Amino acid sequence: MQEKTYKLIELVGVSETSIEDGIQNAIGRANQTLNNLDWFEVVEARGLIQEGRVNQFQVKIKVGFRLNM
């Protein structure tokens, strides 16, 4: 059986549209510089309010990726 080792990082994805888009933005950006992305976990969701309306969604996620052996 091949052993696997994972690295865990935290990212904050931002979107003016939705929490889901914030997650996609964070994963998409991480995918440009990291290899072997395997999973994510939503840690926190928050946002900005301007003039009584939600203006921005911010989603903190943990992302796990396999280290090359």
C-alpha atoms as a PDB file:
ATOM      1  CA  MET A   1       0.000   0.000   0.000  1.00  0.00           C
ATOM      2  CA  GLN A   2       1.362   3.413  -0.971  1.00  0.00           C
ATOM      3  CA  GLU A   3       1.576   5.871   1.899  1.00  0.00           C
ATOM      4  CA  LYS A   4       0.143   9.352   1.477  1.00  0.00           C
ATOM      5  CA  THR A   5       1.038  12.561   3.275  1.00  0.00           C
ATOM      6  CA  TYR A   6      -1.173  15.635   3.118  1.00  0.00           C
ATOM      7  CA  LYS A   7      -0.541  19.342   3.630  1.00  0.00           C
ATOM      8  CA  LEU A   8      -3.356  21.496   4.970  1.00  0.00           C
ATOM      9  CA  ILE A   9      -3.727  25.212   4.205  1.00  0.00           C
ATOM     10  CA  GLU A  10      -6.375  27.849   4.908  1.00  0.00           C
ATOM     11  CA  LEU A  11      -7.723  30.150   2.216  1.00  0.00           C
ATOM     12  CA  VAL A  12     -10.397  32.833   2.073  1.00  0.00           C
ATOM     13  CA  GLY A  13     -12.447  32.939  -1.118  1.00  0.00           C
ATOM     14  CA  VAL A  14     -14.304  36.135  -1.941  1.00  0.00           C
ATOM     15  CA  SER A  15     -17.310  36.708  -4.188  1.00  0.00           C
ATOM     16  CA  GLU A  16     -19.904  39.392  -4.692  1.00  0.00           C
ATOM     17  CA  THR A  17     -22.370  36.718  -5.843  1.00  0.00           C
ATOM     18  CA  SER A  18     -22.478  33.769  -3.421  1.00  0.00           C
ATOM     19  CA  ILE A  19     -20.698  31.572  -0.902  1.00  0.00           C
ATOM     20  CA  GLU A  20     -20.391  28.869  -3.558  1.00  0.00           C
ATOM     21  CA  ASP A  21     -18.630  31.273  -5.923  1.00  0.00           C
ATOM     22  CA  GLY A  22     -16.278  32.249  -3.096  1.00  0.00           C
ATOM     23  CA  ILE A  23     -15.344  28.586  -2.651  1.00  0.00           C
ATOM     24  CA  GLN A  24     -14.843  28.128  -6.398  1.00  0.00           C
ATOM     25  CA  ASN A  25     -12.664  31.248  -6.552  1.00  0.00           C
ATOM     26  CA  ALA A  26     -10.408  30.020  -3.733  1.00  0.00           C
ATOM     27  CA  ILE A  27     -10.083  26.494  -5.168  1.00  0.00           C
ATOM     28  CA  GLY A  28      -9.512  27.799  -8.695  1.00  0.00           C
ATOM     29  CA  ARG A  29      -6.716  30.102  -7.568  1.00  0.00           C
ATOM     30  CA  ALA A  30      -5.069  27.406  -5.427  1.00  0.00           C
ATOM     31  CA  ASN A  31      -5.217  25.001  -8.375  1.00  0.00           C
ATOM     32  CA  GLN A  32      -3.032  27.407 -10.391  1.00  0.00           C
ATOM     33  CA  THR A  33      -0.065  26.955  -8.028  1.00  0.00           C
ATOM     34  CA  LEU A  34      -0.630  23.695  -6.109  1.00  0.00           C
ATOM     35  CA  ASN A  35      -0.800  20.080  -7.271  1.00  0.00           C
ATOM     36  CA  ASN A  36      -2.857  17.161  -6.003  1.00  0.00           C
ATOM     37  CA  LEU A  37      -5.742  19.123  -4.435  1.00  0.00           C
ATOM     38  CA  ASP A  38      -7.968  16.482  -2.857  1.00  0.00           C
ATOM     39  CA  TRP A  39     -10.536  18.019  -0.523  1.00  0.00           C
ATOM     40  CA  PHE A  40     -11.815  21.142   1.188  1.00  0.00           C
ATOM     41  CA  GLU A  41     -13.761  21.977   4.330  1.00  0.00           C
ATOM     42  CA  VAL A  42     -15.735  25.161   4.962  1.00  0.00           C
ATOM     43  CA  VAL A  43     -14.539  26.640   8.255  1.00  0.00           C
ATOM     44  CA  GLU A  44     -16.298  29.996   8.348  1.00  0.00           C
ATOM     45  CA  ALA A  45     -18.607  32.133   6.236  1.00  0.00           C
ATOM     46  CA  ARG A  46     -18.989  35.867   6.631  1.00  0.00           C
ATOM     47  CA  GLY A  47     -19.672  38.915   4.507  1.00  0.00           C
ATOM     48  CA  LEU A  48     -19.723  42.654   4.126  1.00  0.00           C
ATOM     49  CA  ILE A  49     -22.847  44.787   4.338  1.00  0.00           C
ATOM     50  CA  GLN A  50     -23.178  48.086   2.519  1.00  0.00           C
ATOM     51  CA  GLU A  51     -26.295  50.242   2.539  1.00  0.00           C
ATOM     52  CA  GLY A  52     -28.288  47.498   4.220  1.00  0.00           C
ATOM     53  CA  ARG A  53     -27.468  44.810   1.621  1.00  0.00           C
ATOM     54  CA  VAL A  54     -24.938  41.997   1.356  1.00  0.00           C
ATOM     55  CA  ASN A  55     -22.102  43.303  -0.781  1.00  0.00           C
ATOM     56  CA  GLN A  56     -19.514  40.526  -0.501  1.00  0.00           C
ATOM     57  CA  PHE A  57     -19.283  36.927   0.672  1.00  0.00           C
ATOM     58  CA  GLN A  58     -16.072  35.706   2.331  1.00  0.00           C
ATOM     59  CA  VAL A  59     -15.575  31.985   2.918  1.00  0.00           C
ATOM     60  CA  LYS A  60     -12.690  30.540   4.921  1.00  0.00           C
ATOM     61  CA  ILE A  61     -11.838  27.016   3.785  1.00  0.00           C
ATOM     62  CA  LYS A  62      -9.227  24.415   4.640  1.00  0.00           C
ATOM     63  CA  VAL A  63      -7.761  22.728   1.592  1.00  0.00           C
ATOM     64  CA  GLY A  64      -5.882  19.419   1.700  1.00  0.00           C
ATOM     65  CA  PHE A  65      -3.439  18.315  -0.957  1.00  0.00           C
ATOM     66  CA  ARG A  66      -1.146  15.322  -1.300  1.00  0.00           C
ATOM     67  CA  LEU A  67       2.584  15.911  -1.076  1.00  0.00           C
ATOM     68  CA  ASN A  68       4.699  14.312  -3.801  1.00  0.00           C
ATOM     69  CA  MET A  69       6.631  11.387  -2.410  1.00  0.00           C
END
